[in-house]
Amino acid sequence: MVYHGSYVNFLERARTEWLRECYGYSNKGLMSEFGMVFVVRSLRLDYLKPALLDDLLAVSAQLKDVGRSRVTLCQQVLRGEDVLVEAEIHLVCVAMDNFKPVGVPEALREQWKN
């Protein structure tokens, strides 16, 4: 079986790729262009079924809500059609210079509206 903590890594990688593939922003790009980064405020996981060694897994990410400095995503880990894990992640947009919350960049907000 896959260790339960490994799913957090799977979800993180999927969020990073979701932002890069769908919207064209890497974490490094967010830092250089906007002087900010997203950090995890809270993470809730529901383990529904175990993944086994050598299972081919897919991880989805879907935007649920955007606040002033907060972003909520829903994610799933799937093996074929079987949902193994459901997760809700609350991210906060923070400034790189002081790690205090700042507004989500308008460029991202505009892309997320579409």
N, C-alpha and C. Protein backbone atom coordinates (compact mmCIF):
# COMPACT_ATOMS: atom_id res chain seq x y z
N MET A 1 0.84 -1.19 0.00
CA MET A 1 0.00 0.00 0.00
C MET A 1 0.88 1.25 0.00
N VAL A 2 0.33 2.33 -0.53
CA VAL A 2 1.02 3.61 -0.54
C VAL A 2 0.85 4.26 0.82
N TYR A 3 1.95 4.74 1.39
CA TYR A 3 1.94 5.43 2.68
C TYR A 3 1.04 6.66 2.60
N HIS A 4 0.21 6.87 3.62
CA HIS A 4 -0.79 7.95 3.57
C HIS A 4 -0.17 9.33 3.37
N GLY A 5 1.00 9.57 3.92
CA GLY A 5 1.65 10.87 3.77
C GLY A 5 2.11 11.15 2.34
N SER A 6 2.30 10.11 1.55
CA SER A 6 2.73 10.30 0.15
C SER A 6 1.69 11.05 -0.67
N TYR A 7 0.43 10.92 -0.30
CA TYR A 7 -0.63 11.59 -1.06
C TYR A 7 -0.48 13.11 -1.01
N VAL A 8 0.04 13.63 0.08
CA VAL A 8 0.26 15.09 0.18
C VAL A 8 1.25 15.52 -0.90
N ASN A 9 2.30 14.73 -1.12
CA ASN A 9 3.26 15.04 -2.18
C ASN A 9 2.62 14.95 -3.56
N PHE A 10 1.79 13.93 -3.78
CA PHE A 10 1.10 13.79 -5.07
C PHE A 10 0.23 15.02 -5.34
N LEU A 11 -0.50 15.46 -4.32
CA LEU A 11 -1.40 16.61 -4.47
C LEU A 11 -0.61 17.88 -4.76
N GLU A 12 0.51 18.07 -4.07
CA GLU A 12 1.34 19.26 -4.27
C GLU A 12 1.87 19.31 -5.70
N ARG A 13 2.38 18.20 -6.18
CA ARG A 13 2.90 18.17 -7.55
C ARG A 13 1.80 18.45 -8.56
N ALA A 14 0.63 17.92 -8.33
CA ALA A 14 -0.49 18.16 -9.25
C ALA A 14 -0.91 19.63 -9.24
N ARG A 15 -0.92 20.27 -8.06
CA ARG A 15 -1.26 21.70 -8.00
C ARG A 15 -0.24 22.53 -8.76
N THR A 16 1.03 22.21 -8.59
CA THR A 16 2.09 22.93 -9.28
C THR A 16 1.93 22.80 -10.80
N GLU A 17 1.68 21.58 -11.26
CA GLU A 17 1.50 21.35 -12.70
C GLU A 17 0.21 21.97 -13.23
N TRP A 18 -0.85 21.95 -12.43
CA TRP A 18 -2.12 22.59 -12.80
C TRP A 18 -1.90 24.08 -13.07
N LEU A 19 -1.18 24.74 -12.18
CA LEU A 19 -0.92 26.17 -12.33
C LEU A 19 -0.04 26.43 -13.55
N ARG A 20 0.94 25.57 -13.77
CA ARG A 20 1.86 25.75 -14.90
C ARG A 20 1.17 25.42 -16.23
N GLU A 21 0.53 24.27 -16.32
CA GLU A 21 -0.06 23.81 -17.58
C GLU A 21 -1.31 24.60 -17.98
N CYS A 22 -2.16 24.90 -17.02
CA CYS A 22 -3.42 25.58 -17.33
C CYS A 22 -3.29 27.10 -17.41
N TYR A 23 -2.36 27.66 -16.65
CA TYR A 23 -2.31 29.12 -16.55
C TYR A 23 -0.95 29.72 -16.85
N GLY A 24 0.06 28.88 -17.09
CA GLY A 24 1.36 29.37 -17.52
C GLY A 24 2.25 29.94 -16.43
N TYR A 25 1.97 29.63 -15.16
CA TYR A 25 2.78 30.16 -14.07
C TYR A 25 3.43 29.05 -13.27
N SER A 26 4.75 29.11 -13.16
CA SER A 26 5.48 28.23 -12.25
C SER A 26 5.57 28.95 -10.90
N ASN A 27 5.96 28.22 -9.87
CA ASN A 27 6.16 28.88 -8.57
C ASN A 27 7.24 29.95 -8.68
N LYS A 28 8.31 29.65 -9.41
CA LYS A 28 9.38 30.63 -9.60
C LYS A 28 8.87 31.84 -10.37
N GLY A 29 8.00 31.60 -11.36
CA GLY A 29 7.42 32.70 -12.12
C GLY A 29 6.53 33.60 -11.28
N LEU A 30 5.76 33.00 -10.37
CA LEU A 30 4.93 33.80 -9.45
C LEU A 30 5.81 34.69 -8.58
N MET A 31 6.92 34.12 -8.12
CA MET A 31 7.83 34.89 -7.26
C MET A 31 8.45 36.05 -8.02
N SER A 32 8.93 35.79 -9.24
CA SER A 32 9.62 36.85 -9.98
C SER A 32 8.66 37.88 -10.56
N GLU A 33 7.51 37.45 -11.06
CA GLU A 33 6.58 38.39 -11.69
C GLU A 33 5.73 39.17 -10.69
N PHE A 34 5.30 38.51 -9.62
CA PHE A 34 4.37 39.14 -8.68
C PHE A 34 4.94 39.32 -7.28
N GLY A 35 6.10 38.75 -6.99
CA GLY A 35 6.68 38.85 -5.65
C GLY A 35 5.87 38.12 -4.60
N MET A 36 5.19 37.05 -5.02
CA MET A 36 4.33 36.31 -4.09
C MET A 36 4.44 34.82 -4.37
N VAL A 37 3.87 34.06 -3.44
CA VAL A 37 3.80 32.62 -3.59
C VAL A 37 2.56 32.15 -2.83
N PHE A 38 2.04 30.99 -3.21
CA PHE A 38 0.92 30.40 -2.48
C PHE A 38 1.47 29.43 -1.44
N VAL A 39 0.95 29.53 -0.21
CA VAL A 39 1.32 28.59 0.86
C VAL A 39 0.05 27.89 1.34
N VAL A 40 0.22 26.67 1.82
CA VAL A 40 -0.92 25.90 2.31
C VAL A 40 -1.30 26.39 3.69
N ARG A 41 -2.57 26.77 3.84
CA ARG A 41 -3.10 27.16 5.15
C ARG A 41 -3.73 25.95 5.83
N SER A 42 -4.50 25.19 5.05
CA SER A 42 -5.10 23.98 5.61
C SER A 42 -5.28 22.96 4.50
N LEU A 43 -5.33 21.71 4.93
CA LEU A 43 -5.41 20.60 4.01
C LEU A 43 -6.28 19.53 4.66
N ARG A 44 -7.35 19.15 3.97
CA ARG A 44 -8.23 18.08 4.48
C ARG A 44 -8.25 16.96 3.45
N LEU A 45 -7.92 15.77 3.92
CA LEU A 45 -7.91 14.60 3.03
C LEU A 45 -8.87 13.56 3.55
N ASP A 46 -9.61 12.96 2.63
CA ASP A 46 -10.46 11.81 2.93
C ASP A 46 -9.90 10.63 2.15
N TYR A 47 -9.42 9.63 2.90
CA TYR A 47 -8.86 8.43 2.29
C TYR A 47 -10.00 7.44 2.09
N LEU A 48 -10.31 7.15 0.83
CA LEU A 48 -11.46 6.30 0.51
C LEU A 48 -11.05 4.87 0.19
N LYS A 49 -9.95 4.72 -0.56
CA LYS A 49 -9.44 3.40 -0.94
C LYS A 49 -7.92 3.49 -1.01
N PRO A 50 -7.22 2.39 -0.76
CA PRO A 50 -5.75 2.45 -0.83
C PRO A 50 -5.23 2.32 -2.26
N ALA A 51 -4.11 2.97 -2.52
CA ALA A 51 -3.36 2.74 -3.75
C ALA A 51 -2.32 1.67 -3.43
N LEU A 52 -2.01 0.87 -4.42
CA LEU A 52 -1.06 -0.22 -4.24
C LEU A 52 0.20 0.06 -5.05
N LEU A 53 1.28 -0.60 -4.69
CA LEU A 53 2.55 -0.45 -5.39
C LEU A 53 2.34 -0.67 -6.88
N ASP A 54 2.90 0.22 -7.68
CA ASP A 54 2.83 0.18 -9.15
C ASP A 54 1.47 0.55 -9.73
N ASP A 55 0.52 1.00 -8.92
CA ASP A 55 -0.73 1.53 -9.47
C ASP A 55 -0.44 2.79 -10.28
N LEU A 56 -1.10 2.93 -11.40
CA LEU A 56 -1.01 4.15 -12.20
C LEU A 56 -2.07 5.11 -11.68
N LEU A 57 -1.63 6.23 -11.12
CA LEU A 57 -2.54 7.19 -10.49
C LEU A 57 -2.63 8.47 -11.30
N ALA A 58 -3.77 9.10 -11.24
CA ALA A 58 -3.98 10.43 -11.81
C ALA A 58 -4.45 11.33 -10.68
N VAL A 59 -4.02 12.59 -10.72
CA VAL A 59 -4.41 13.54 -9.68
C VAL A 59 -5.02 14.76 -10.36
N SER A 60 -6.24 15.11 -9.95
CA SER A 60 -6.92 16.26 -10.53
C SER A 60 -6.88 17.44 -9.57
N ALA A 61 -7.05 18.63 -10.13
CA ALA A 61 -7.14 19.85 -9.33
C ALA A 61 -8.21 20.72 -9.95
N GLN A 62 -9.12 21.21 -9.12
CA GLN A 62 -10.20 22.06 -9.61
C GLN A 62 -10.36 23.24 -8.66
N LEU A 63 -10.43 24.42 -9.25
CA LEU A 63 -10.63 25.64 -8.47
C LEU A 63 -12.04 25.66 -7.90
N LYS A 64 -12.15 25.88 -6.59
CA LYS A 64 -13.47 25.93 -5.95
C LYS A 64 -13.87 27.36 -5.63
N ASP A 65 -12.92 28.16 -5.10
CA ASP A 65 -13.27 29.51 -4.65
C ASP A 65 -12.01 30.37 -4.59
N VAL A 66 -12.18 31.67 -4.84
CA VAL A 66 -11.08 32.62 -4.72
C VAL A 66 -11.55 33.79 -3.88
N GLY A 67 -10.83 34.06 -2.80
CA GLY A 67 -11.09 35.22 -1.97
C GLY A 67 -10.06 36.30 -2.26
N ARG A 68 -9.94 37.26 -1.36
CA ARG A 68 -8.97 38.33 -1.56
C ARG A 68 -7.55 37.77 -1.63
N SER A 69 -7.16 37.01 -0.63
CA SER A 69 -5.82 36.42 -0.61
C SER A 69 -5.85 34.90 -0.51
N ARG A 70 -7.05 34.32 -0.54
CA ARG A 70 -7.23 32.88 -0.32
C ARG A 70 -7.73 32.21 -1.59
N VAL A 71 -7.26 30.99 -1.80
CA VAL A 71 -7.70 30.16 -2.92
C VAL A 71 -8.05 28.79 -2.36
N THR A 72 -9.19 28.25 -2.75
CA THR A 72 -9.60 26.91 -2.32
C THR A 72 -9.66 26.01 -3.55
N LEU A 73 -9.00 24.86 -3.44
CA LEU A 73 -8.99 23.87 -4.51
C LEU A 73 -9.56 22.56 -4.01
N CYS A 74 -10.22 21.84 -4.90
CA CYS A 74 -10.63 20.46 -4.63
C CYS A 74 -9.76 19.57 -5.50
N GLN A 75 -9.26 18.51 -4.91
CA GLN A 75 -8.41 17.59 -5.64
C GLN A 75 -8.85 16.15 -5.40
N GLN A 76 -8.53 15.31 -6.36
CA GLN A 76 -8.80 13.88 -6.23
C GLN A 76 -7.58 13.10 -6.72
N VAL A 77 -7.35 11.97 -6.07
CA VAL A 77 -6.38 10.99 -6.56
C VAL A 77 -7.20 9.82 -7.07
N LEU A 78 -6.95 9.45 -8.32
CA LEU A 78 -7.74 8.40 -8.97
C LEU A 78 -6.86 7.27 -9.49
N ARG A 79 -7.42 6.09 -9.47
CA ARG A 79 -6.85 4.93 -10.15
C ARG A 79 -7.92 4.49 -11.14
N GLY A 80 -7.72 4.86 -12.40
CA GLY A 80 -8.78 4.64 -13.38
C GLY A 80 -10.00 5.47 -13.00
N GLU A 81 -11.14 4.81 -12.85
CA GLU A 81 -12.37 5.49 -12.45
C GLU A 81 -12.55 5.56 -10.94
N ASP A 82 -11.72 4.82 -10.20
CA ASP A 82 -11.86 4.76 -8.74
C ASP A 82 -11.24 5.98 -8.07
N VAL A 83 -12.03 6.68 -7.27
CA VAL A 83 -11.52 7.80 -6.48
C VAL A 83 -10.92 7.22 -5.20
N LEU A 84 -9.62 7.44 -5.01
CA LEU A 84 -8.93 6.91 -3.84
C LEU A 84 -8.87 7.93 -2.71
N VAL A 85 -8.65 9.19 -3.07
CA VAL A 85 -8.52 10.26 -2.07
C VAL A 85 -9.23 11.49 -2.59
N GLU A 86 -9.96 12.16 -1.70
CA GLU A 86 -10.53 13.48 -1.99
C GLU A 86 -9.89 14.47 -1.04
N ALA A 87 -9.57 15.65 -1.55
CA ALA A 87 -8.88 16.64 -0.73
C ALA A 87 -9.44 18.03 -1.00
N GLU A 88 -9.43 18.85 0.05
CA GLU A 88 -9.74 20.27 -0.09
C GLU A 88 -8.57 21.02 0.51
N ILE A 89 -8.01 21.94 -0.29
CA ILE A 89 -6.81 22.66 0.11
C ILE A 89 -7.11 24.15 0.10
N HIS A 90 -6.77 24.81 1.20
CA HIS A 90 -6.89 26.27 1.29
C HIS A 90 -5.48 26.84 1.21
N LEU A 91 -5.25 27.65 0.17
CA LEU A 91 -3.96 28.30 -0.03
C LEU A 91 -4.11 29.78 0.29
N VAL A 92 -3.02 30.38 0.73
CA VAL A 92 -2.99 31.82 0.98
C VAL A 92 -1.86 32.41 0.15
N CYS A 93 -2.14 33.51 -0.48
CA CYS A 93 -1.16 34.24 -1.28
C CYS A 93 -0.37 35.14 -0.33
N VAL A 94 0.96 34.94 -0.26
CA VAL A 94 1.78 35.74 0.65
C VAL A 94 2.91 36.42 -0.12
N ALA A 95 3.31 37.60 0.38
CA ALA A 95 4.42 38.34 -0.20
C ALA A 95 5.73 37.64 0.13
N MET A 96 6.65 37.62 -0.81
CA MET A 96 7.93 36.96 -0.60
C MET A 96 8.82 37.70 0.39
N ASP A 97 8.66 39.01 0.51
CA ASP A 97 9.56 39.77 1.39
C ASP A 97 9.21 39.65 2.86
N ASN A 98 7.93 39.41 3.20
CA ASN A 98 7.57 39.35 4.63
C ASN A 98 6.62 38.19 4.97
N PHE A 99 6.22 37.43 3.98
CA PHE A 99 5.31 36.28 4.14
C PHE A 99 3.97 36.65 4.78
N LYS A 100 3.54 37.88 4.56
CA LYS A 100 2.21 38.31 5.00
C LYS A 100 1.24 38.20 3.83
N PRO A 101 -0.04 37.95 4.14
CA PRO A 101 -1.03 37.80 3.07
C PRO A 101 -1.13 39.04 2.19
N VAL A 102 -1.25 38.79 0.90
CA VAL A 102 -1.48 39.84 -0.10
C VAL A 102 -2.58 39.35 -1.03
N GLY A 103 -3.14 40.25 -1.79
CA GLY A 103 -4.21 39.88 -2.71
C GLY A 103 -3.71 38.96 -3.83
N VAL A 104 -4.59 38.08 -4.27
CA VAL A 104 -4.28 37.23 -5.42
C VAL A 104 -4.06 38.15 -6.62
N PRO A 105 -2.99 37.97 -7.38
CA PRO A 105 -2.73 38.84 -8.54
C PRO A 105 -3.92 38.89 -9.50
N GLU A 106 -4.21 40.08 -9.98
CA GLU A 106 -5.35 40.28 -10.88
C GLU A 106 -5.22 39.45 -12.15
N ALA A 107 -3.99 39.25 -12.62
CA ALA A 107 -3.78 38.43 -13.83
C ALA A 107 -4.30 37.01 -13.63
N LEU A 108 -4.08 36.45 -12.45
CA LEU A 108 -4.59 35.11 -12.15
C LEU A 108 -6.11 35.12 -12.01
N ARG A 109 -6.63 36.12 -11.31
CA ARG A 109 -8.08 36.24 -11.14
C ARG A 109 -8.79 36.25 -12.50
N GLU A 110 -8.24 37.02 -13.43
CA GLU A 110 -8.84 37.12 -14.76
C GLU A 110 -8.83 35.78 -15.47
N GLN A 111 -7.71 35.07 -15.38
CA GLN A 111 -7.63 33.76 -16.03
C GLN A 111 -8.58 32.77 -15.37
N TRP A 112 -8.73 32.84 -14.07
CA TRP A 112 -9.58 31.90 -13.34
C TRP A 112 -11.07 32.15 -13.61
N LYS A 113 -11.42 33.35 -14.07
CA LYS A 113 -12.82 33.63 -14.39
C LYS A 113 -13.28 32.86 -15.62
N ASN A 114 -12.34 32.54 -16.50
CA ASN A 114 -12.69 31.88 -17.77
C ASN A 114 -12.79 30.39 -17.63
